[in-house]
Amino acid sequence: MVMDLTKEHPDKTLWKFLLPMMISVMFQQFYNIADSVIVGRFAGEDALAAVGASYPITIIFMAFAVGMNLGTSVVVSRLFGAGDKKGVKRAVTTALTACLLLSMILCIFGVFCCRWMMSAIHTPENIMAEGILYLRIYVFGFFFLMFYNVCTGVFTAWGDSKTPLYFLIGSSIGNIILDYIFVAKLYWGVAGVAWATFIAQGGAAIFALVTMSVRLRHISNEKQPFVDKHLLWQIIEIAVPSIIQQSVLSVGNLFVQDIVNRFGSSVIAGYSGAIKLNTFAINTFMCLGSCLSSYTAQNIGAGKQERIPLGFKTGVKLSEITVIPFFILYFIFSRQMMGLFLDDGSMEAIQAGIAFLRIVSPLYFIIAVKLMTDGIIRGAGAMMYFIIATVPDLILRICFALVLSSRFGSTGIWMAWPFGWIVATVLTIVFYQKVKNGKVKE
């Protein structure tokens, strides 16, 4: 099912488009959290710390998948909005080819550099071996992650947010079942969590590729070049800045993880659980930003740029409503949320996670606005603005984490988040005004 986002008022269309995507993200984050819950409960605090220590590195790999998702989605959205069916097919096959090559390069790099990457962030020796094991299995499954994200980008560009939801529900349920079997019953520990994710992502990717191939044949049966250099360049223009932006943030998170690692495995375990909860919230808000990217790209492709402010207002309204339950859960019920991962015997870890959630969650009302402006900026192709708004967040978060942790301990690390988020939000609002007025910086 496809949805044209260029006609009705966004109050009528965006929420219909958003709801399946948001449920998809929630399922995805739910099974990410389930990984940590199961490993923490059945494999212990050190196993949870090992998964948590490798998490910022996996996010760097994820940045490439997300970048290809965004690049493909924006380009296909423009072609779809302009009614160019042949162009849509060429863009999809071009993106898949680029995806295959990029996956091969990153997989080889990841396999041979796992130990170096874990050592570089000062991972404690008592969790090093399990962290490396988890990372290597994750890297082997990167092909599936990449292809699934590209397929999701194509479905989103067509205005179809339901199909990815069905795949993700199946993948999430399968992942959780396999987690329980591999970790709680077979006692595979960290390896069990990694293999469960590998198998679940693999299944989702295969089904997504088959479904997309069938739909492409309905769009156009004419033989066309499998790789279009012009469209490849357009995808790269969107994907590379997004990859850089995501990677810069991920590198920043690596620096933060390095600081966290110096406080020992208990703080690492607490941070691991809390950051998974935080990622759940942030990715939910980013989901709406992705809707706005497709909305913006379709309307620009259809020559209706004047509709962009309408979409932005709807996006901000929906995002602020979405923030409320996360704020209540993380700020008021933070102890119960951390109790999902750890029992009372890990009180130091629990207290570290509680401190993180209570400092960061009030800022969700601000960062949600930033993520809505990001969506508009990406959809308009103003990727330079997108990158510029990221750098201050990175620098401020690292600098304040270093300074404040020396005085306030691990709590000082969490206190660095608000500084970066506030500055980045102000910058993106300024850039949104330029995009709205047609002053796009490519």
Protein backbone atom coordinates (compact mmCIF):
# COMPACT_ATOMS: atom_id res chain seq x y z
CA MET A 1 0.00 0.00 0.00
CA VAL A 2 1.37 3.41 -1.04
CA MET A 3 0.40 6.82 0.30
CA ASP A 4 0.55 10.16 -1.51
CA LEU A 5 1.67 12.79 1.03
CA THR A 6 1.29 15.75 -1.36
CA LYS A 7 -2.48 16.29 -1.23
CA GLU A 8 -4.34 16.20 2.08
CA HIS A 9 -3.49 18.28 5.13
CA PRO A 10 -0.65 16.60 7.09
CA ASP A 11 -2.90 16.43 10.16
CA LYS A 12 -4.91 13.83 8.23
CA THR A 13 -2.10 11.93 6.53
CA LEU A 14 1.03 12.09 8.69
CA TRP A 15 -0.39 10.28 11.69
CA LYS A 16 -1.68 7.47 9.45
CA PHE A 17 1.76 7.21 7.89
CA LEU A 18 3.47 7.54 11.26
CA LEU A 19 1.57 4.99 13.30
CA PRO A 20 2.85 1.81 11.59
CA MET A 21 6.38 3.26 11.50
CA MET A 22 6.26 4.11 15.19
CA ILE A 23 4.98 0.66 16.09
CA SER A 24 7.83 -0.76 13.97
CA VAL A 25 10.40 1.27 15.87
CA MET A 26 8.89 0.30 19.18
CA PHE A 27 9.06 -3.39 18.29
CA GLN A 28 12.65 -2.97 17.13
CA GLN A 29 13.67 -1.19 20.30
CA PHE A 30 11.62 -3.60 22.39
CA TYR A 31 13.67 -6.55 21.23
CA ASN A 32 16.89 -4.53 21.67
CA ILE A 33 15.86 -3.97 25.27
CA ALA A 34 14.81 -7.60 25.58
CA ASP A 35 18.36 -8.59 24.58
CA SER A 36 19.72 -6.65 27.53
CA VAL A 37 16.99 -7.79 29.92
CA ILE A 38 17.56 -11.47 29.13
CA VAL A 39 21.34 -11.28 29.19
CA GLY A 40 21.30 -9.24 32.40
CA ARG A 41 18.87 -11.55 34.17
CA PHE A 42 20.18 -14.92 32.96
CA ALA A 43 23.87 -14.31 32.15
CA GLY A 44 24.75 -11.72 34.80
CA GLU A 45 26.04 -8.19 35.26
CA ASP A 46 29.34 -8.76 33.42
CA ALA A 47 27.57 -10.17 30.37
CA LEU A 48 25.29 -7.13 30.28
CA ALA A 49 28.34 -4.89 30.59
CA ALA A 50 30.05 -6.73 27.69
CA VAL A 51 27.05 -6.16 25.40
CA GLY A 52 26.84 -2.55 26.57
CA ALA A 53 30.55 -1.89 25.98
CA SER A 54 30.29 -3.07 22.36
CA TYR A 55 27.04 -1.18 21.73
CA PRO A 56 28.58 2.19 20.69
CA ILE A 57 30.71 0.35 18.13
CA THR A 58 27.67 -1.38 16.63
CA ILE A 59 26.03 2.04 16.33
CA ILE A 60 28.85 3.14 14.01
CA PHE A 61 28.01 0.23 11.70
CA MET A 62 24.34 1.08 12.05
CA ALA A 63 25.14 4.62 10.86
CA PHE A 64 25.97 3.28 7.40
CA ALA A 65 22.71 1.34 7.22
CA VAL A 66 20.69 4.37 8.35
CA GLY A 67 22.53 6.61 5.88
CA MET A 68 21.70 4.30 2.98
CA ASN A 69 18.12 4.12 4.21
CA LEU A 70 17.80 7.91 4.18
CA GLY A 71 19.60 8.39 0.87
CA THR A 72 17.45 5.80 -0.86
CA SER A 73 14.24 7.04 0.77
CA VAL A 74 14.72 10.71 -0.19
CA VAL A 75 15.68 9.99 -3.81
CA VAL A 76 12.89 7.45 -4.35
CA SER A 77 10.38 9.82 -2.65
CA ARG A 78 11.26 12.59 -5.11
CA LEU A 79 10.86 10.30 -8.10
CA PHE A 80 7.63 8.87 -6.71
CA GLY A 81 6.26 12.37 -6.08
CA ALA A 82 7.15 13.34 -9.66
CA GLY A 83 5.44 10.20 -11.03
CA ASP A 84 8.67 8.77 -12.54
CA LYS A 85 8.11 5.01 -12.19
CA LYS A 86 11.10 4.02 -14.30
CA GLY A 87 13.31 6.26 -12.21
CA VAL A 88 11.99 4.66 -9.03
CA LYS A 89 13.04 1.20 -10.24
CA ARG A 90 16.50 2.40 -11.34
CA ALA A 91 17.03 4.14 -7.99
CA VAL A 92 16.16 0.98 -6.04
CA THR A 93 18.46 -1.33 -8.02
CA THR A 94 21.25 1.24 -7.81
CA ALA A 95 20.86 1.49 -4.03
CA LEU A 96 20.93 -2.30 -3.62
CA THR A 97 24.15 -2.59 -5.62
CA ALA A 98 25.84 0.12 -3.56
CA CYS A 99 24.53 -1.57 -0.42
CA LEU A 100 26.15 -4.90 -1.36
CA LEU A 101 29.57 -3.38 -1.98
CA LEU A 102 29.51 -1.28 1.18
CA SER A 103 28.43 -4.26 3.30
CA MET A 104 31.35 -6.36 2.05
CA ILE A 105 33.89 -3.67 2.91
CA LEU A 106 32.51 -3.04 6.39
CA CYS A 107 32.17 -6.74 7.18
CA ILE A 108 35.83 -7.41 6.37
CA PHE A 109 36.92 -4.38 8.38
CA GLY A 110 34.77 -5.35 11.35
CA VAL A 111 35.93 -8.96 11.54
CA PHE A 112 39.61 -8.03 11.65
CA CYS A 113 39.34 -4.94 13.86
CA CYS A 114 36.99 -6.05 16.66
CA ARG A 115 39.72 -6.43 19.29
CA TRP A 116 41.38 -3.16 18.33
CA MET A 117 38.08 -1.26 18.57
CA MET A 118 37.22 -2.75 21.97
CA SER A 119 40.72 -2.03 23.29
CA ALA A 120 40.62 1.54 21.99
CA ILE A 121 37.74 2.41 24.33
CA HIS A 122 39.49 0.87 27.36
CA THR A 123 37.08 -2.03 27.80
CA PRO A 124 37.85 -3.75 31.14
CA GLU A 125 39.60 -7.10 30.79
CA ASN A 126 36.90 -8.99 32.67
CA ILE A 127 34.39 -8.28 29.88
CA MET A 128 36.75 -7.94 26.88
CA ALA A 129 36.47 -11.48 25.48
CA GLU A 130 32.66 -11.55 25.57
CA GLY A 131 32.44 -8.05 24.09
CA ILE A 132 34.64 -9.09 21.15
CA LEU A 133 32.59 -12.25 20.63
CA TYR A 134 29.33 -10.31 20.51
CA LEU A 135 30.80 -7.75 18.10
CA ARG A 136 32.12 -10.34 15.64
CA ILE A 137 28.80 -12.14 15.36
CA TYR A 138 27.05 -8.79 14.92
CA VAL A 139 29.40 -7.82 12.08
CA PHE A 140 28.71 -11.09 10.23
CA GLY A 141 25.03 -10.15 10.20
CA PHE A 142 25.63 -6.65 8.87
CA PHE A 143 24.62 -7.66 5.32
CA PHE A 144 21.12 -8.37 6.57
CA LEU A 145 20.94 -5.13 8.54
CA MET A 146 22.00 -3.08 5.52
CA PHE A 147 19.60 -4.67 3.04
CA TYR A 148 16.70 -4.50 5.45
CA ASN A 149 17.28 -0.77 6.01
CA VAL A 150 17.44 -0.04 2.28
CA CYS A 151 14.20 -1.97 1.69
CA THR A 152 12.55 -0.08 4.55
CA GLY A 153 13.68 3.20 2.99
CA VAL A 154 12.02 2.22 -0.30
CA PHE A 155 8.75 1.22 1.35
CA THR A 156 8.73 4.50 3.30
CA ALA A 157 9.39 6.48 0.12
CA TRP A 158 6.31 4.87 -1.44
CA GLY A 159 4.27 6.02 1.55
CA ASP A 160 3.96 2.42 2.76
CA SER A 161 4.76 2.22 6.44
CA LYS A 162 2.73 -0.95 7.11
CA THR A 163 4.82 -3.52 5.24
CA PRO A 164 8.00 -2.88 7.30
CA LEU A 165 5.86 -3.16 10.41
CA TYR A 166 4.77 -6.70 9.55
CA PHE A 167 8.37 -7.79 8.95
CA LEU A 168 9.56 -6.17 12.13
CA ILE A 169 6.84 -7.72 14.29
CA GLY A 170 7.86 -11.16 13.07
CA SER A 171 11.57 -10.36 13.51
CA SER A 172 11.07 -8.96 17.02
CA ILE A 173 9.02 -11.87 18.28
CA GLY A 174 11.46 -14.33 16.75
CA ASN A 175 14.43 -12.50 18.28
CA ILE A 176 12.96 -12.54 21.78
CA ILE A 177 12.04 -16.24 21.56
CA LEU A 178 15.54 -17.11 20.32
CA ASP A 179 17.10 -14.92 23.03
CA TYR A 180 15.28 -16.88 25.68
CA ILE A 181 16.13 -20.26 24.16
CA PHE A 182 19.80 -19.49 23.53
CA VAL A 183 20.52 -17.64 26.79
CA ALA A 184 18.08 -18.94 29.42
CA LYS A 185 17.83 -22.55 28.24
CA LEU A 186 21.03 -23.33 26.33
CA TYR A 187 23.24 -20.99 28.41
CA TRP A 188 25.06 -19.51 25.41
CA GLY A 189 25.38 -16.17 27.20
CA VAL A 190 26.49 -13.19 25.09
CA ALA A 191 26.89 -15.39 21.99
CA GLY A 192 23.25 -16.46 22.29
CA VAL A 193 22.04 -12.86 22.21
CA ALA A 194 24.18 -12.12 19.16
CA TRP A 195 23.06 -15.19 17.22
CA ALA A 196 19.41 -14.50 18.01
CA THR A 197 19.76 -11.03 16.48
CA PHE A 198 21.64 -12.46 13.48
CA ILE A 199 18.91 -14.98 12.66
CA ALA A 200 16.01 -12.57 13.25
CA GLN A 201 17.51 -9.80 11.12
CA GLY A 202 18.37 -12.28 8.40
CA GLY A 203 14.78 -13.46 8.13
CA ALA A 204 13.39 -9.92 8.02
CA ALA A 205 15.89 -8.88 5.33
CA ILE A 206 15.11 -11.83 3.07
CA PHE A 207 11.33 -11.33 3.26
CA ALA A 208 11.73 -7.57 2.68
CA LEU A 209 13.90 -8.11 -0.41
CA VAL A 210 11.46 -10.62 -1.92
CA THR A 211 8.44 -8.37 -1.29
CA MET A 212 10.17 -5.32 -2.75
CA SER A 213 11.26 -7.26 -5.85
CA VAL A 214 7.68 -8.33 -6.53
CA ARG A 215 6.42 -4.76 -6.21
CA LEU A 216 9.14 -3.42 -8.49
CA ARG A 217 7.98 -5.73 -11.26
CA HIS A 218 4.49 -4.23 -10.95
CA ILE A 219 5.88 -0.70 -11.13
CA SER A 220 7.82 -1.24 -14.37
CA ASN A 221 8.58 -4.35 -16.44
CA GLU A 222 10.88 -2.59 -18.89
CA LYS A 223 14.55 -3.53 -18.88
CA GLN A 224 16.68 -0.71 -17.51
CA PRO A 225 20.29 -0.20 -16.42
CA PHE A 226 20.83 -1.91 -13.08
CA VAL A 227 23.04 0.94 -11.88
CA ASP A 228 22.29 4.56 -12.78
CA LYS A 229 25.36 6.73 -12.10
CA HIS A 230 23.30 9.92 -11.85
CA LEU A 231 20.90 8.44 -9.30
CA LEU A 232 23.80 6.81 -7.45
CA TRP A 233 25.34 10.23 -7.01
CA GLN A 234 22.02 11.62 -5.74
CA ILE A 235 21.79 8.80 -3.18
CA ILE A 236 25.40 9.41 -2.13
CA GLU A 237 24.73 13.15 -1.71
CA ILE A 238 22.09 12.33 0.90
CA ALA A 239 23.58 9.15 2.36
CA VAL A 240 27.18 10.26 2.93
CA PRO A 241 26.39 13.40 4.97
CA SER A 242 23.90 11.36 6.98
CA ILE A 243 26.52 8.65 7.55
CA ILE A 244 29.02 11.32 8.59
CA GLN A 245 26.48 12.87 10.95
CA GLN A 246 25.56 9.51 12.49
CA SER A 247 29.21 8.45 12.65
CA VAL A 248 30.26 11.69 14.31
CA LEU A 249 27.62 11.09 16.95
CA SER A 250 28.73 7.49 17.27
CA VAL A 251 32.37 8.49 17.66
CA GLY A 252 31.21 10.93 20.31
CA ASN A 253 29.41 8.05 22.02
CA LEU A 254 32.64 6.03 21.84
CA PHE A 255 34.46 8.81 23.68
CA VAL A 256 31.67 8.84 26.23
CA GLN A 257 31.83 5.04 26.50
CA ASP A 258 35.57 5.35 27.06
CA ILE A 259 34.92 7.67 30.00
CA VAL A 260 32.20 5.36 31.34
CA ASN A 261 34.49 2.32 31.08
CA ARG A 262 36.94 3.94 33.50
CA PHE A 263 34.35 3.69 36.29
CA GLY A 264 34.19 -0.12 36.17
CA SER A 265 31.80 -2.84 35.02
CA SER A 266 28.98 -1.88 37.42
CA VAL A 267 28.64 1.61 35.93
CA ILE A 268 29.02 0.12 32.45
CA ALA A 269 26.15 -2.27 33.15
CA GLY A 270 23.93 0.54 34.47
CA TYR A 271 24.74 2.72 31.48
CA SER A 272 24.08 -0.20 29.15
CA GLY A 273 20.52 -0.61 30.39
CA ALA A 274 19.80 3.13 30.58
CA ILE A 275 21.20 3.90 27.12
CA LYS A 276 19.00 1.17 25.62
CA LEU A 277 15.97 2.86 27.17
CA ASN A 278 17.17 6.24 25.94
CA THR A 279 17.71 4.86 22.44
CA PHE A 280 14.16 3.50 22.49
CA ALA A 281 12.84 7.02 23.09
CA ILE A 282 15.16 8.81 20.66
CA ASN A 283 14.52 6.35 17.82
CA THR A 284 10.78 6.73 18.33
CA PHE A 285 11.12 10.50 17.89
CA MET A 286 13.45 9.98 14.91
CA CYS A 287 10.76 7.83 13.33
CA LEU A 288 8.50 10.86 13.05
CA GLY A 289 11.44 12.82 11.66
CA SER A 290 11.79 10.16 8.94
CA CYS A 291 8.09 10.61 8.13
CA LEU A 292 8.74 14.32 7.67
CA SER A 293 11.68 13.52 5.37
CA SER A 294 9.42 11.50 3.06
CA TYR A 295 6.68 14.13 3.35
CA THR A 296 9.11 16.93 2.45
CA ALA A 297 10.76 15.03 -0.41
CA GLN A 298 7.43 14.02 -1.96
CA ASN A 299 6.11 17.57 -1.81
CA ILE A 300 9.29 19.07 -3.24
CA GLY A 301 9.18 16.47 -6.03
CA ALA A 302 5.56 17.52 -6.71
CA GLY A 303 6.49 21.24 -6.65
CA LYS A 304 4.55 21.94 -3.43
CA GLN A 305 7.24 23.34 -1.12
CA GLU A 306 4.70 25.67 0.50
CA ARG A 307 3.30 22.61 2.33
CA ILE A 308 6.51 22.12 4.34
CA PRO A 309 5.54 24.41 7.30
CA LEU A 310 2.23 22.53 7.64
CA GLY A 311 4.12 19.26 7.99
CA PHE A 312 6.54 20.75 10.49
CA LYS A 313 3.75 22.02 12.76
CA THR A 314 2.04 18.62 12.67
CA GLY A 315 5.34 16.86 13.36
CA VAL A 316 6.18 18.99 16.39
CA LYS A 317 2.68 18.50 17.81
CA LEU A 318 2.81 14.72 17.41
CA SER A 319 6.36 14.47 18.76
CA GLU A 320 5.62 16.42 21.94
CA ILE A 321 2.64 14.17 22.63
CA THR A 322 4.91 11.16 22.13
CA VAL A 323 7.48 12.52 24.60
CA ILE A 324 5.06 12.55 27.55
CA PRO A 325 4.88 8.77 28.28
CA PHE A 326 8.65 8.38 27.94
CA PHE A 327 9.25 11.25 30.35
CA ILE A 328 6.85 9.77 32.91
CA LEU A 329 8.37 6.28 32.69
CA TYR A 330 12.00 7.36 32.77
CA PHE A 331 11.83 10.23 35.24
CA ILE A 332 9.21 9.05 37.72
CA PHE A 333 9.57 5.27 37.38
CA SER A 334 13.30 5.11 36.64
CA ARG A 335 13.95 2.61 39.44
CA GLN A 336 11.38 0.21 38.04
CA MET A 337 12.74 0.65 34.51
CA MET A 338 16.28 -0.23 35.59
CA GLY A 339 14.85 -3.17 37.53
CA LEU A 340 14.04 -4.74 34.18
CA PHE A 341 17.74 -5.32 33.59
CA LEU A 342 19.26 -5.88 37.02
CA ASP A 343 18.27 -7.27 40.40
CA ASP A 344 18.87 -5.72 43.83
CA GLY A 345 22.32 -7.31 43.99
CA SER A 346 23.53 -4.81 41.37
CA MET A 347 22.54 -1.64 43.24
CA GLU A 348 25.54 0.43 42.06
CA ALA A 349 24.65 -0.30 38.45
CA ILE A 350 20.98 0.48 39.06
CA GLN A 351 21.79 3.83 40.68
CA ALA A 352 24.00 4.81 37.73
CA GLY A 353 21.17 4.05 35.30
CA ILE A 354 18.61 5.95 37.38
CA ALA A 355 20.84 9.03 37.45
CA PHE A 356 21.21 8.94 33.66
CA LEU A 357 17.47 8.62 33.01
CA ARG A 358 16.48 11.39 35.41
CA ILE A 359 18.97 13.85 33.93
CA VAL A 360 18.27 13.11 30.27
CA SER A 361 14.50 12.48 30.08
CA PRO A 362 13.34 16.10 30.76
CA LEU A 363 15.34 17.15 27.68
CA TYR A 364 13.21 14.94 25.43
CA PHE A 365 10.79 17.83 24.98
CA ILE A 366 13.64 19.81 23.40
CA ILE A 367 15.42 17.11 21.40
CA ALA A 368 12.09 16.06 19.82
CA VAL A 369 11.87 19.48 18.14
CA LYS A 370 15.43 19.08 16.87
CA LEU A 371 14.62 15.70 15.32
CA MET A 372 11.57 17.16 13.54
CA THR A 373 13.70 19.90 11.96
CA ASP A 374 16.26 17.24 11.01
CA GLY A 375 13.53 15.43 9.10
CA ILE A 376 12.59 18.53 7.11
CA ILE A 377 16.24 19.39 6.39
CA ARG A 378 17.04 15.86 5.17
CA GLY A 379 13.94 15.73 2.98
CA ALA A 380 14.94 19.03 1.37
CA GLY A 381 18.43 17.68 0.69
CA ALA A 382 20.13 20.39 2.79
CA MET A 383 22.63 17.92 4.21
CA MET A 384 25.33 20.47 5.01
CA TYR A 385 23.00 22.10 7.52
CA PHE A 386 22.31 18.64 8.90
CA ILE A 387 26.02 18.02 9.55
CA ILE A 388 26.78 21.47 10.96
CA ALA A 389 24.11 21.11 13.63
CA THR A 390 25.69 17.84 14.83
CA VAL A 391 29.25 18.98 15.55
CA PRO A 392 28.51 21.22 18.58
CA ASP A 393 26.51 18.42 20.20
CA LEU A 394 29.47 16.08 19.89
CA ILE A 395 32.09 18.54 21.14
CA LEU A 396 30.06 19.82 24.06
CA ARG A 397 29.02 16.36 25.22
CA ILE A 398 32.59 15.06 25.28
CA CYS A 399 34.10 18.19 26.87
CA PHE A 400 31.50 18.46 29.61
CA ALA A 401 31.63 14.71 30.26
CA LEU A 402 35.38 14.93 30.85
CA VAL A 403 35.14 18.01 33.07
CA LEU A 404 32.06 17.07 35.09
CA SER A 405 33.01 13.41 35.62
CA SER A 406 36.20 14.47 37.38
CA ARG A 407 34.08 16.30 39.94
CA PHE A 408 30.78 14.41 40.10
CA GLY A 409 31.89 10.91 39.12
CA SER A 410 29.79 8.95 36.63
CA THR A 411 26.83 11.29 37.22
CA GLY A 412 28.92 14.07 35.67
CA ILE A 413 28.98 12.13 32.39
CA TRP A 414 25.19 12.12 32.18
CA MET A 415 25.11 15.86 32.99
CA ALA A 416 26.88 16.55 29.67
CA TRP A 417 23.89 15.49 27.53
CA PRO A 418 21.72 18.63 27.99
CA PHE A 419 24.44 21.04 26.84
CA GLY A 420 24.86 19.38 23.46
CA TRP A 421 21.17 18.83 22.85
CA ILE A 422 20.14 22.41 23.55
CA VAL A 423 22.75 23.95 21.23
CA ALA A 424 21.99 21.46 18.44
CA THR A 425 18.25 22.18 18.69
CA VAL A 426 18.76 25.94 18.39
CA LEU A 427 20.96 25.47 15.31
CA THR A 428 18.51 23.19 13.52
CA ILE A 429 15.64 25.62 14.10
CA VAL A 430 17.72 28.37 12.45
CA PHE A 431 18.49 26.06 9.51
CA TYR A 432 14.85 25.01 9.20
CA GLN A 433 13.90 28.65 8.69
CA LYS A 434 16.37 28.83 5.80
CA VAL A 435 15.01 25.65 4.23
CA LYS A 436 11.43 26.86 4.62
CA ASN A 437 12.34 30.06 2.82
CA GLY A 438 14.01 28.18 -0.01
CA LYS A 439 17.61 28.90 1.06
CA VAL A 440 18.88 25.34 0.80
CA LYS A 441 22.56 24.63 1.36
CA GLU A 442 23.36 21.44 -0.56
